[in-house]
């Protein structure tokens, strides 16, 4: 299925999923006690965590455009958001070195209008190896195709860190980008307890 058709922007209440829809662990991910309901609804508040030094460019997609990401190829601008602040923290922490915990971070709260809430196509499924590290070409191509198609500003995808939860891709060059309400950044301190014990990281600081 073409990635551009993976999401249709519209009011979340506009679609009524079939009652017999089974859980799909390879697609957008079952979450909580009501997997079907969660599949079709996305929180109206999204989160982004970024180094304070990059606060001014946190929503340009320049970093992902330059280096690529799990869901985008190099040359395609993309902003990675999370459905919860805690997931946004985990998505950052898994990539940090010990010395990075001394950096200043900021978090952004993003409000999404009802009319922009993406309604996933339940037939859409991520590639079988979508959690691979480093990310595989298939996921990069899927997200890139979606962004280039311009069908929507937001695409809900499963988190490789917590597969039962979701991140949301934002196309910063989509016309609907301006309809998002991005709150001013707030300082965020990473708890040092997120660091592994010293004996487990003795060789990880290069």
Foldseek 3Di string as FASTA:
>chain_A
DALQPFWAFFFLVPDDDDPPDDADLFALAAADPCRVSVLSFADQKKKAKDFPVCQVPQLVQVVCCCVNALQADNNARKHKIFSDVVVNVVVVVVPDFLVCLPTWMWMKMKGHDSRQTIGGDVVGGQPPCSLDPVHDPRNRVSNHSNLVSLNHQKDWGADSRHRNGIMIMGRSPRPCVVVMDIDRIDIDRDDSVSDDPCVVCVPVND
